C-alpha atoms as a PDB file:
ATOM      1  CA  MET A   1     -26.729 -15.493  58.761  1.00  0.00           C
ATOM      2  CA  LYS A   2     -30.471 -15.694  58.445  1.00  0.00           C
ATOM      3  CA  HIS A   3     -32.687 -18.752  58.036  1.00  0.00           C
ATOM      4  CA  THR A   4     -32.864 -19.331  54.287  1.00  0.00           C
ATOM      5  CA  GLY A   5     -36.538 -20.290  54.028  1.00  0.00           C
ATOM      6  CA  LYS A   6     -39.814 -18.802  55.170  1.00  0.00           C
ATOM      7  CA  ILE A   7     -40.895 -19.630  58.714  1.00  0.00           C
ATOM      8  CA  LEU A   8     -44.534 -19.713  59.776  1.00  0.00           C
ATOM      9  CA  PHE A   9     -45.164 -19.307  63.511  1.00  0.00           C
ATOM     10  CA  VAL A  10     -48.569 -20.697  64.546  1.00  0.00           C
ATOM     11  CA  CYS A  11     -50.552 -20.177  67.726  1.00  0.00           C
ATOM     12  CA  VAL A  12     -54.237 -20.332  68.511  1.00  0.00           C
ATOM     13  CA  GLU A  13     -54.940 -16.596  68.879  1.00  0.00           C
ATOM     14  CA  ASN A  14     -51.888 -15.118  67.083  1.00  0.00           C
ATOM     15  CA  ALA A  15     -51.899 -12.445  69.787  1.00  0.00           C
ATOM     16  CA  GLY A  16     -48.721 -13.209  71.739  1.00  0.00           C
ATOM     17  CA  ARG A  17     -46.074 -15.862  71.162  1.00  0.00           C
ATOM     18  CA  SER A  18     -46.390 -16.188  67.409  1.00  0.00           C
ATOM     19  CA  GLN A  19     -46.465 -12.393  66.994  1.00  0.00           C
ATOM     20  CA  MET A  20     -43.254 -12.068  69.053  1.00  0.00           C
ATOM     21  CA  ALA A  21     -41.583 -14.889  67.131  1.00  0.00           C
ATOM     22  CA  GLU A  22     -42.459 -13.368  63.749  1.00  0.00           C
ATOM     23  CA  ALA A  23     -41.201  -9.932  64.821  1.00  0.00           C
ATOM     24  CA  LEU A  24     -37.976 -11.274  66.333  1.00  0.00           C
ATOM     25  CA  ALA A  25     -37.272 -13.426  63.271  1.00  0.00           C
ATOM     26  CA  LYS A  26     -37.855 -10.498  60.906  1.00  0.00           C
ATOM     27  CA  HIS A  27     -35.664  -8.319  63.134  1.00  0.00           C
ATOM     28  CA  ARG A  28     -32.859 -10.829  62.430  1.00  0.00           C
ATOM     29  CA  GLY A  29     -33.518 -10.679  58.686  1.00  0.00           C
ATOM     30  CA  THR A  30     -35.431 -13.948  58.445  1.00  0.00           C
ATOM     31  CA  SER A  31     -38.477 -14.283  56.209  1.00  0.00           C
ATOM     32  CA  ALA A  32     -41.302 -14.977  58.652  1.00  0.00           C
ATOM     33  CA  MET A  33     -45.047 -14.777  59.127  1.00  0.00           C
ATOM     34  CA  SER A  34     -47.448 -15.751  61.879  1.00  0.00           C
ATOM     35  CA  ALA A  35     -51.060 -16.784  62.148  1.00  0.00           C
ATOM     36  CA  GLY A  36     -53.622 -18.288  64.464  1.00  0.00           C
ATOM     37  CA  THR A  37     -56.240 -20.978  64.178  1.00  0.00           C
ATOM     38  CA  VAL A  38     -58.749 -18.857  66.107  1.00  0.00           C
ATOM     39  CA  PRO A  39     -57.278 -15.336  65.902  1.00  0.00           C
ATOM     40  CA  ALA A  40     -57.944 -12.759  68.595  1.00  0.00           C
ATOM     41  CA  THR A  41     -59.141  -9.304  67.603  1.00  0.00           C
ATOM     42  CA  THR A  42     -55.939  -7.560  68.775  1.00  0.00           C
ATOM     43  CA  VAL A  43     -52.374  -8.319  69.771  1.00  0.00           C
ATOM     44  CA  ASN A  44     -51.894  -8.639  73.531  1.00  0.00           C
ATOM     45  CA  PRO A  45     -51.066  -5.089  74.773  1.00  0.00           C
ATOM     46  CA  VAL A  46     -48.440  -6.398  77.222  1.00  0.00           C
ATOM     47  CA  VAL A  47     -46.731  -8.165  74.306  1.00  0.00           C
ATOM     48  CA  VAL A  48     -46.801  -4.886  72.350  1.00  0.00           C
ATOM     49  CA  GLU A  49     -45.168  -3.118  75.327  1.00  0.00           C
ATOM     50  CA  VAL A  50     -42.441  -5.759  75.778  1.00  0.00           C
ATOM     51  CA  MET A  51     -41.594  -5.691  72.086  1.00  0.00           C
ATOM     52  CA  LYS A  52     -41.530  -1.872  72.172  1.00  0.00           C
ATOM     53  CA  GLU A  53     -38.887  -2.144  74.912  1.00  0.00           C
ATOM     54  CA  ARG A  54     -36.829  -4.176  72.405  1.00  0.00           C
ATOM     55  CA  GLY A  55     -37.259  -1.514  69.733  1.00  0.00           C
ATOM     56  CA  ILE A  56     -39.834  -3.489  67.756  1.00  0.00           C
ATOM     57  CA  ASP A  57     -43.218  -1.884  67.082  1.00  0.00           C
ATOM     58  CA  LEU A  58     -46.171  -4.287  67.061  1.00  0.00           C
ATOM     59  CA  SER A  59     -48.768  -1.572  67.649  1.00  0.00           C
ATOM     60  CA  LEU A  60     -50.099  -1.877  64.084  1.00  0.00           C
ATOM     61  CA  SER A  61     -49.940  -5.675  63.929  1.00  0.00           C
ATOM     62  CA  ARG A  62     -53.192  -7.620  63.737  1.00  0.00           C
ATOM     63  CA  PRO A  63     -53.813 -11.306  64.407  1.00  0.00           C
ATOM     64  CA  LYS A  64     -54.267 -13.300  61.190  1.00  0.00           C
ATOM     65  CA  MET A  65     -56.159 -16.494  60.359  1.00  0.00           C
ATOM     66  CA  LEU A  66     -54.017 -19.507  59.437  1.00  0.00           C
ATOM     67  CA  THR A  67     -54.558 -20.529  55.816  1.00  0.00           C
ATOM     68  CA  VAL A  68     -53.550 -23.455  53.640  1.00  0.00           C
ATOM     69  CA  ASP A  69     -51.594 -21.003  51.444  1.00  0.00           C
ATOM     70  CA  MET A  70     -49.517 -19.901  54.447  1.00  0.00           C
ATOM     71  CA  VAL A  71     -48.667 -23.510  55.270  1.00  0.00           C
ATOM     72  CA  ASN A  72     -47.791 -24.233  51.628  1.00  0.00           C
ATOM     73  CA  GLU A  73     -45.539 -21.150  51.404  1.00  0.00           C
ATOM     74  CA  ALA A  74     -43.635 -22.011  54.580  1.00  0.00           C
ATOM     75  CA  ASP A  75     -40.457 -24.047  54.599  1.00  0.00           C
ATOM     76  CA  LEU A  76     -40.827 -24.543  58.343  1.00  0.00           C
ATOM     77  CA  VAL A  77     -43.915 -24.371  60.579  1.00  0.00           C
ATOM     78  CA  VAL A  78     -43.277 -23.645  64.258  1.00  0.00           C
ATOM     79  CA  THR A  79     -46.168 -24.188  66.651  1.00  0.00           C
ATOM     80  CA  MET A  80     -45.805 -22.319  69.891  1.00  0.00           C
ATOM     81  CA  GLY A  81     -47.170 -24.901  72.344  1.00  0.00           C
ATOM     82  CA  CYS A  82     -50.848 -24.158  72.141  1.00  0.00           C
ATOM     83  CA  SER A  83     -52.465 -27.447  71.138  1.00  0.00           C
ATOM     84  CA  VAL A  84     -52.840 -26.367  67.525  1.00  0.00           C
ATOM     85  CA  GLU A  85     -53.748 -29.968  66.730  1.00  0.00           C
ATOM     86  CA  GLU A  86     -56.963 -29.579  68.737  1.00  0.00           C
ATOM     87  CA  VAL A  87     -58.216 -26.610  66.699  1.00  0.00           C
ATOM     88  CA  CYS A  88     -56.668 -27.164  63.255  1.00  0.00           C
ATOM     89  CA  PRO A  89     -58.527 -29.095  60.562  1.00  0.00           C
ATOM     90  CA  ALA A  90     -56.915 -32.500  59.954  1.00  0.00           C
ATOM     91  CA  PRO A  91     -55.898 -31.768  56.316  1.00  0.00           C
ATOM     92  CA  LEU A  92     -54.039 -28.645  57.436  1.00  0.00           C
ATOM     93  CA  ILE A  93     -52.223 -30.593  60.155  1.00  0.00           C
ATOM     94  CA  ALA A  94     -51.246 -33.212  57.570  1.00  0.00           C
ATOM     95  CA  ARG A  95     -49.700 -30.511  55.360  1.00  0.00           C
ATOM     96  CA  MET A  96     -47.711 -29.151  58.314  1.00  0.00           C
ATOM     97  CA  GLN A  97     -46.335 -32.488  59.543  1.00  0.00           C
ATOM     98  CA  LYS A  98     -43.423 -32.722  57.135  1.00  0.00           C
ATOM     99  CA  LYS A  99     -42.071 -29.364  58.266  1.00  0.00           C
ATOM    100  CA  LEU A 100     -43.443 -28.994  61.799  1.00  0.00           C
ATOM    101  CA  VAL A 101     -41.495 -27.996  64.908  1.00  0.00           C
ATOM    102  CA  GLU A 102     -43.157 -27.664  68.328  1.00  0.00           C
ATOM    103  CA  TRP A 103     -41.648 -25.112  70.738  1.00  0.00           C
ATOM    104  CA  ASN A 104     -44.037 -25.565  73.687  1.00  0.00           C
ATOM    105  CA  ILE A 105     -43.705 -21.998  74.994  1.00  0.00           C
ATOM    106  CA  GLU A 106     -45.895 -20.640  77.789  1.00  0.00           C
ATOM    107  CA  ASP A 107     -48.758 -18.378  76.686  1.00  0.00           C
ATOM    108  CA  PRO A 108     -48.236 -14.725  77.735  1.00  0.00           C
ATOM    109  CA  LYS A 109     -52.006 -14.159  77.942  1.00  0.00           C
ATOM    110  CA  ASP A 110     -52.971 -12.637  81.326  1.00  0.00           C
ATOM    111  CA  LYS A 111     -49.346 -12.752  82.536  1.00  0.00           C
ATOM    112  CA  PRO A 112     -47.523  -9.833  84.221  1.00  0.00           C
ATOM    113  CA  ILE A 113     -45.013  -7.902  82.133  1.00  0.00           C
ATOM    114  CA  GLU A 114     -42.021  -9.551  83.868  1.00  0.00           C
ATOM    115  CA  LYS A 115     -43.239 -12.989  82.756  1.00  0.00           C
ATOM    116  CA  VAL A 116     -43.916 -11.748  79.217  1.00  0.00           C
ATOM    117  CA  ARG A 117     -40.309 -10.471  79.103  1.00  0.00           C
ATOM    118  CA  GLU A 118     -39.093 -13.962  80.074  1.00  0.00           C
ATOM    119  CA  ILE A 119     -41.248 -15.538  77.360  1.00  0.00           C
ATOM    120  CA  SER A 120     -39.925 -13.012  74.846  1.00  0.00           C
ATOM    121  CA  ASN A 121     -36.336 -13.856  75.844  1.00  0.00           C
ATOM    122  CA  GLU A 122     -37.021 -17.561  75.360  1.00  0.00           C
ATOM    123  CA  ILE A 123     -38.519 -16.945  71.926  1.00  0.00           C
ATOM    124  CA  GLU A 124     -35.560 -14.763  70.946  1.00  0.00           C
ATOM    125  CA  HIS A 125     -33.155 -17.508  72.030  1.00  0.00           C
ATOM    126  CA  ARG A 126     -35.013 -20.108  69.945  1.00  0.00           C
ATOM    127  CA  VAL A 127     -35.162 -17.839  66.874  1.00  0.00           C
ATOM    128  CA  ALA A 128     -31.398 -17.300  67.195  1.00  0.00           C
ATOM    129  CA  GLU A 129     -30.927 -21.072  67.450  1.00  0.00           C
ATOM    130  CA  LEU A 130     -32.963 -21.587  64.262  1.00  0.00           C
ATOM    131  CA  ASN A 131     -30.665 -19.118  62.512  1.00  0.00           C
ATOM    132  CA  ARG A 132     -27.571 -20.872  63.909  1.00  0.00           C
ATOM    133  CA  LEU A 133     -28.806 -24.285  62.766  1.00  0.00           C
ATOM    134  CA  SER A 134     -29.709 -22.902  59.349  1.00  0.00           C
ATOM    135  CA  LYS A 135     -26.242 -21.384  58.997  1.00  0.00           C
ATOM    136  CA  SER A 136     -24.640 -24.692  59.990  1.00  0.00           C
ATOM    137  CA  LYS A 137     -26.829 -26.634  57.532  1.00  0.00           C
ATOM    138  CA  THR A 138     -26.043 -24.174  54.715  1.00  0.00           C
ATOM    139  CA  SER A 139     -22.311 -24.394  55.482  1.00  0.00           C
ATOM    140  CA  ARG A 140     -22.398 -28.207  55.314  1.00  0.00           C
ATOM    141  CA  MET A 141     -24.265 -28.075  52.004  1.00  0.00           C
ATOM    142  CA  MET A 142     -21.576 -25.792  50.551  1.00  0.00           C
ATOM    143  CA  LEU A 143     -18.725 -28.205  51.417  1.00  0.00           C
END
């Protein structure tokens, strides 16, 4: 079962972790989006390659700027461990607090492909866990 709400994955550059998380969540049928507080110009090419190995094409993906509308639309905001608090405006952080989860995942930037694969596996595991928890929560609500 998929997560029932929209998930927003946030990173600083939106070029690695948050892009992988969005793609892996969507691959599982979850409504997801990602954005960065200071977006890069392109998605990390090693990330694109690792996701291609998984059958997910990120070659046309582009980093996006985090907006208030994105935060408002999201039922859950997942920060990827990139000190978003240091680069996000305080009002935006305040809006995220009630639905914020911090994953603290290593940045794949400048890492070899083997390490990026490990990071991708960790993100996939956490996305699956979100889906499992959502399914459990939905089941309890139906009882």
